[in-house]
Amino acid sequence: MIRFLKAVLRLIVLLCLAGLLLFAYARYVEPHLLITEEVSIYSTHVTPEQKELNIVVFADTHFSDNYTIKDFERAVGKINDMEPDLVFFLGDLIDHYDRYEGSTEAISEKLSEIRASYGKFAVFGNHDYGGGAERHYKDIMTAGGFQVLVNQRSDLKDLGVTIVGIDDVIIGYGDPTAASQCRPESFNIVLAHEPDLVTEMTDYDIDLMLSGHTHGGQVRIPYLSDAYLPPYGQQYERGIYRFENERQTTLYVNSGLGTTYLPLRFRCPPELTEFSLTDDPDASSASESE
């Protein structure tokens, strides 16, 4: 009996140690990793000129004590190393604007260091409305050289690309019908913070929809993490989804850079996404690099 109790006690101690190690990893290691997902998007509407485009996406910085300007510097450096033609930010810049003690001017300065040959575009996320952020988010992004699209379209006619930005639908003024601004003759990219909106937009001429919001689950524990996914982020959690609609829309959900509620990440490291476009269905793929 004593031997059995010792074995049980030893097991309990080992389980506690394993739990502490996993917590330490989720708290102090994984949130500071940074991966790049390289994704090739297939569409029959891609032209030879568009196949040369390099598109980089980031989302959900959630600037706070847990994600700082110093953390963002690394992401900016990686983005510029990719030499993007287009850069998109998918919303949720500051975690809680009314509690943020850092400098918004410093955020704008770092955003301005991001280089993109044909432009930088952004949309509002739900955290960009709460806590007074609505009055400041657009100014911060504009000072950083980003054009903020609020249910609006931007045509890059020389590229044959149309970009439509859908506003946040949780707190903001998001209107999925704004996707009707897509042009049949263009390669159409829709930016929408919340990915589940895609179900309301598959009748429009969307070739690629880009979203964030879910943080990829942030802490991915089987059978548990799904219960904590946010509204409008419960159907499409992370990565690539393809639809069998007329336009064969592709949705990509970026896992974001920062954290919210809990300063933890597990099995879901911070992500930048680099996109290329192709008219070859066999070339469509996704791969990860550090």
Protein backbone atom coordinates (compact mmCIF):
# COMPACT_ATOMS: atom_id res chain seq x y z
CA MET A 1 0.00 0.00 0.00
CA ILE A 2 2.82 2.42 0.89
CA ARG A 3 4.54 1.65 -2.42
CA PHE A 4 1.29 2.36 -4.27
CA LEU A 5 0.82 5.70 -2.49
CA LYS A 6 4.39 6.70 -3.30
CA ALA A 7 3.77 5.90 -6.97
CA VAL A 8 0.59 7.97 -6.97
CA LEU A 9 2.38 10.86 -5.26
CA ARG A 10 5.23 10.65 -7.78
CA LEU A 11 2.73 10.74 -10.63
CA ILE A 12 0.97 13.76 -9.15
CA VAL A 13 4.29 15.61 -8.80
CA LEU A 14 5.25 14.78 -12.39
CA LEU A 15 1.86 15.97 -13.65
CA CYS A 16 2.20 19.21 -11.69
CA LEU A 17 5.68 19.78 -13.09
CA ALA A 18 4.44 19.08 -16.63
CA GLY A 19 1.58 21.52 -16.10
CA LEU A 20 3.96 24.21 -14.87
CA LEU A 21 6.27 23.67 -17.84
CA LEU A 22 3.36 23.89 -20.29
CA PHE A 23 2.12 27.07 -18.62
CA ALA A 24 5.59 28.61 -18.74
CA TYR A 25 5.85 27.76 -22.43
CA ALA A 26 2.38 29.18 -23.19
CA ARG A 27 3.09 32.34 -21.19
CA TYR A 28 6.73 33.14 -21.88
CA VAL A 29 7.78 31.31 -25.04
CA GLU A 30 5.09 30.84 -27.67
CA PRO A 31 3.65 34.40 -27.50
CA HIS A 32 7.11 35.65 -28.51
CA LEU A 33 7.58 33.31 -31.45
CA LEU A 34 6.84 34.58 -34.94
CA ILE A 35 6.10 32.35 -37.91
CA THR A 36 5.47 33.23 -41.54
CA GLU A 37 2.79 31.31 -43.41
CA GLU A 38 3.50 31.29 -47.15
CA VAL A 39 0.23 30.81 -49.04
CA SER A 40 -0.38 30.48 -52.77
CA ILE A 41 -3.91 31.43 -53.82
CA TYR A 42 -5.43 29.93 -56.95
CA SER A 43 -7.96 31.80 -59.06
CA THR A 44 -8.95 31.75 -62.71
CA HIS A 45 -9.00 35.57 -62.52
CA VAL A 46 -5.26 35.96 -61.90
CA THR A 47 -3.36 37.78 -64.65
CA PRO A 48 0.37 37.40 -65.42
CA GLU A 49 1.04 40.78 -63.75
CA GLN A 50 -0.77 39.73 -60.57
CA LYS A 51 1.32 36.56 -60.32
CA GLU A 52 4.27 38.83 -59.57
CA LEU A 53 2.55 40.42 -56.57
CA ASN A 54 3.74 39.77 -53.04
CA ILE A 55 1.03 40.41 -50.42
CA VAL A 56 1.72 40.43 -46.67
CA VAL A 57 -0.97 40.35 -43.98
CA PHE A 58 -0.87 40.92 -40.23
CA ALA A 59 -3.64 41.26 -37.67
CA ASP A 60 -4.61 41.57 -34.02
CA THR A 61 -1.56 43.23 -32.54
CA HIS A 62 -3.54 44.08 -29.39
CA PHE A 63 -0.89 46.50 -28.15
CA SER A 64 -0.70 46.29 -24.35
CA ASP A 65 1.80 45.46 -21.62
CA ASN A 66 1.92 42.00 -23.20
CA TYR A 67 2.56 43.15 -26.79
CA THR A 68 4.80 46.18 -27.02
CA ILE A 69 6.48 48.35 -29.62
CA LYS A 70 9.60 46.24 -29.13
CA ASP A 71 7.65 43.10 -30.02
CA PHE A 72 6.23 44.84 -33.10
CA GLU A 73 9.68 45.93 -34.28
CA ARG A 74 10.49 42.32 -35.06
CA ALA A 75 7.30 41.92 -37.11
CA VAL A 76 8.02 45.13 -39.04
CA GLY A 77 11.51 43.90 -39.86
CA LYS A 78 10.17 40.58 -41.11
CA ILE A 79 7.49 42.28 -43.21
CA ASN A 80 10.05 44.52 -44.90
CA ASP A 81 12.37 41.56 -45.49
CA MET A 82 9.57 40.05 -47.61
CA GLU A 83 9.58 43.15 -49.86
CA PRO A 84 5.77 43.30 -50.15
CA ASP A 85 3.82 45.02 -52.89
CA LEU A 86 0.70 45.24 -50.72
CA VAL A 87 0.33 45.12 -46.93
CA PHE A 88 -2.99 44.58 -45.15
CA PHE A 89 -3.80 45.02 -41.46
CA LEU A 90 -6.99 43.26 -40.40
CA GLY A 91 -7.89 45.15 -37.23
CA ASP A 92 -7.60 45.12 -33.40
CA LEU A 93 -4.61 47.42 -33.04
CA ILE A 94 -4.73 48.19 -29.29
CA ASP A 95 -6.21 45.72 -26.80
CA HIS A 96 -7.97 48.28 -24.56
CA TYR A 97 -7.47 51.84 -25.78
CA ASP A 98 -8.74 53.44 -22.55
CA ARG A 99 -6.16 51.48 -20.50
CA TYR A 100 -3.22 51.71 -22.88
CA GLU A 101 -0.30 53.61 -21.36
CA GLY A 102 2.03 53.40 -24.36
CA SER A 103 2.50 55.97 -27.08
CA THR A 104 0.12 55.86 -30.03
CA GLU A 105 2.56 58.12 -31.87
CA ALA A 106 5.19 55.40 -31.48
CA ILE A 107 2.75 52.88 -32.96
CA SER A 108 2.17 55.16 -35.96
CA GLU A 109 5.92 55.61 -36.36
CA LYS A 110 6.49 51.85 -36.50
CA LEU A 111 3.59 51.40 -38.91
CA SER A 112 5.13 54.06 -41.14
CA GLU A 113 8.33 52.01 -41.36
CA ILE A 114 6.47 49.23 -43.18
CA ARG A 115 7.23 49.48 -46.88
CA ALA A 116 4.84 48.40 -49.66
CA SER A 117 5.19 49.23 -53.35
CA TYR A 118 1.48 49.66 -54.08
CA GLY A 119 0.02 50.62 -50.73
CA LYS A 120 -0.98 49.67 -47.21
CA PHE A 121 -4.63 49.12 -46.25
CA ALA A 122 -6.50 48.42 -43.01
CA VAL A 123 -9.96 47.82 -41.57
CA PHE A 124 -11.47 48.31 -38.12
CA GLY A 125 -11.72 45.43 -35.66
CA ASN A 126 -14.04 45.31 -32.67
CA HIS A 127 -11.25 46.44 -30.29
CA ASP A 128 -10.73 49.48 -32.54
CA TYR A 129 -14.16 50.73 -31.46
CA GLY A 130 -14.28 49.94 -27.73
CA GLY A 131 -12.85 52.11 -24.95
CA GLY A 132 -12.79 55.29 -27.01
CA ALA A 133 -10.62 53.82 -29.77
CA GLU A 134 -13.18 54.70 -32.45
CA ARG A 135 -12.14 58.37 -32.33
CA HIS A 136 -8.43 57.61 -32.75
CA TYR A 137 -7.84 54.36 -34.65
CA LYS A 138 -8.13 55.82 -38.14
CA ASP A 139 -5.79 58.69 -37.28
CA ILE A 140 -3.18 56.29 -35.86
CA MET A 141 -3.30 54.10 -38.95
CA THR A 142 -3.35 57.04 -41.38
CA ALA A 143 -0.30 58.54 -39.66
CA GLY A 144 1.36 55.18 -40.26
CA GLY A 145 0.66 55.37 -43.98
CA PHE A 146 -2.34 53.02 -44.05
CA GLN A 147 -5.57 53.70 -45.90
CA VAL A 148 -8.48 52.64 -43.69
CA LEU A 149 -11.44 51.26 -45.65
CA VAL A 150 -14.85 51.53 -43.95
CA ASN A 151 -17.28 49.64 -46.20
CA GLN A 152 -15.31 51.19 -49.05
CA ARG A 153 -13.46 50.15 -52.18
CA SER A 154 -10.02 51.02 -53.51
CA ASP A 155 -9.18 50.23 -57.14
CA LEU A 156 -5.59 49.54 -58.13
CA LYS A 157 -6.32 49.77 -61.82
CA ASP A 158 -2.76 49.29 -63.01
CA LEU A 159 -2.75 45.92 -61.22
CA GLY A 160 -6.31 44.91 -62.03
CA VAL A 161 -6.92 44.54 -58.27
CA THR A 162 -9.88 45.82 -56.26
CA ILE A 163 -9.74 45.97 -52.46
CA VAL A 164 -12.94 46.22 -50.40
CA GLY A 165 -12.81 46.82 -46.64
CA ILE A 166 -15.76 45.73 -44.49
CA ASP A 167 -16.15 47.55 -41.19
CA ASP A 168 -16.34 45.69 -37.88
CA VAL A 169 -19.80 44.16 -37.35
CA ILE A 170 -19.71 43.58 -33.57
CA ILE A 171 -19.44 47.20 -32.38
CA GLY A 172 -18.95 49.09 -35.63
CA TYR A 173 -20.96 49.66 -38.78
CA GLY A 174 -20.02 46.64 -40.86
CA ASP A 175 -22.13 46.05 -43.94
CA PRO A 176 -21.48 42.76 -45.77
CA THR A 177 -23.33 44.10 -48.82
CA ALA A 178 -20.37 46.46 -49.30
CA ALA A 179 -18.80 43.44 -51.04
CA SER A 180 -21.11 44.23 -53.96
CA GLN A 181 -18.49 46.86 -54.85
CA CYS A 182 -16.25 44.04 -56.12
CA ARG A 183 -15.66 44.38 -59.86
CA PRO A 184 -16.24 41.31 -62.09
CA GLU A 185 -13.20 42.16 -64.21
CA SER A 186 -10.83 42.57 -61.21
CA PHE A 187 -9.07 40.25 -58.82
CA ASN A 188 -11.13 41.16 -55.75
CA ILE A 189 -9.71 41.12 -52.23
CA VAL A 190 -12.06 41.70 -49.29
CA LEU A 191 -10.69 42.67 -45.88
CA ALA A 192 -13.05 41.87 -43.00
CA HIS A 193 -11.99 41.49 -39.39
CA GLU A 194 -14.57 38.79 -38.62
CA PRO A 195 -14.24 35.65 -40.80
CA ASP A 196 -17.75 34.25 -40.35
CA LEU A 197 -19.08 37.14 -42.47
CA VAL A 198 -18.01 35.13 -45.50
CA THR A 199 -21.25 33.14 -45.27
CA GLU A 200 -23.15 36.35 -46.11
CA MET A 201 -20.91 37.25 -49.05
CA THR A 202 -20.40 34.18 -51.23
CA ASP A 203 -22.76 35.55 -53.88
CA TYR A 204 -20.37 38.44 -54.54
CA ASP A 205 -17.31 38.43 -56.82
CA ILE A 206 -14.79 37.80 -54.02
CA ASP A 207 -11.61 36.02 -55.02
CA LEU A 208 -9.81 36.31 -51.69
CA MET A 209 -11.19 37.29 -48.29
CA LEU A 210 -8.75 38.03 -45.47
CA SER A 211 -9.74 37.99 -41.79
CA GLY A 212 -8.31 37.87 -38.28
CA HIS A 213 -10.29 38.15 -35.02
CA THR A 214 -10.00 34.54 -33.77
CA HIS A 215 -6.26 34.55 -32.98
CA GLY A 216 -6.41 31.07 -34.45
CA GLY A 217 -7.92 29.95 -31.16
CA GLN A 218 -4.94 31.43 -29.26
CA VAL A 219 -4.86 28.51 -26.80
CA ARG A 220 -5.61 25.39 -28.81
CA ILE A 221 -6.75 22.60 -26.52
CA PRO A 222 -8.84 19.88 -28.19
CA TYR A 223 -12.57 20.02 -27.37
CA LEU A 224 -12.06 23.09 -25.18
CA SER A 225 -10.78 26.00 -27.28
CA ASP A 226 -13.83 26.03 -29.58
CA ALA A 227 -16.00 27.05 -26.64
CA TYR A 228 -14.07 30.32 -26.31
CA LEU A 229 -14.02 31.47 -29.91
CA PRO A 230 -15.46 34.99 -30.33
CA PRO A 231 -18.72 35.94 -32.07
CA TYR A 232 -18.37 35.88 -35.86
CA GLY A 233 -15.27 33.74 -35.43
CA GLN A 234 -16.77 30.37 -34.55
CA GLN A 235 -17.11 28.77 -37.98
CA TYR A 236 -13.75 29.64 -39.51
CA GLU A 237 -10.97 29.57 -36.94
CA ARG A 238 -7.62 29.66 -38.71
CA GLY A 239 -5.90 29.04 -42.02
CA ILE A 240 -7.34 28.50 -45.47
CA TYR A 241 -10.91 27.70 -46.57
CA ARG A 242 -12.18 27.34 -50.12
CA PHE A 243 -15.77 27.69 -51.28
CA GLU A 244 -17.53 26.07 -54.22
CA ASN A 245 -19.36 29.23 -55.24
CA GLU A 246 -19.26 30.75 -58.72
CA ARG A 247 -16.14 32.79 -57.94
CA GLN A 248 -14.44 29.93 -56.01
CA THR A 249 -13.76 32.28 -53.11
CA THR A 250 -10.81 31.60 -50.81
CA LEU A 251 -10.94 32.72 -47.17
CA TYR A 252 -7.78 32.97 -45.10
CA VAL A 253 -7.93 33.54 -41.32
CA ASN A 254 -4.71 34.98 -39.89
CA SER A 255 -3.81 33.94 -36.31
CA GLY A 256 -2.66 37.43 -35.32
CA LEU A 257 0.35 38.76 -33.43
CA GLY A 258 -0.84 39.64 -29.94
CA THR A 259 -3.07 38.16 -27.26
CA THR A 260 -6.25 39.22 -25.49
CA TYR A 261 -7.90 38.31 -22.17
CA LEU A 262 -5.06 35.89 -21.30
CA PRO A 263 -1.42 36.59 -22.23
CA LEU A 264 -1.06 33.01 -23.45
CA ARG A 265 -0.61 31.13 -26.71
CA PHE A 266 -0.48 27.38 -27.08
CA ARG A 267 -0.17 25.46 -30.36
CA CYS A 268 -0.93 28.73 -32.16
CA PRO A 269 2.14 31.00 -32.50
CA PRO A 270 1.94 34.63 -33.71
CA GLU A 271 1.70 34.79 -37.49
CA LEU A 272 2.50 36.88 -40.53
CA THR A 273 1.05 35.65 -43.81
CA GLU A 274 2.70 36.07 -47.20
CA PHE A 275 0.48 35.52 -50.24
CA SER A 276 1.22 34.91 -53.88
CA LEU A 277 -1.41 34.53 -56.60
CA THR A 278 -1.51 31.79 -59.21
CA ASP A 279 -3.70 30.56 -62.07
CA ASP A 280 -2.32 27.05 -61.65
CA PRO A 281 -4.59 24.92 -59.38
CA ASP A 282 -1.73 22.52 -58.68
CA ALA A 283 0.41 25.36 -57.31
CA SER A 284 -2.09 26.40 -54.65
CA SER A 285 -0.63 25.61 -51.25
CA ALA A 286 0.32 26.79 -47.77
CA SER A 287 3.59 26.31 -45.89
CA GLU A 288 5.13 27.61 -42.68
CA SER A 289 8.55 29.06 -41.92
CA GLU A 290 10.19 30.62 -38.89
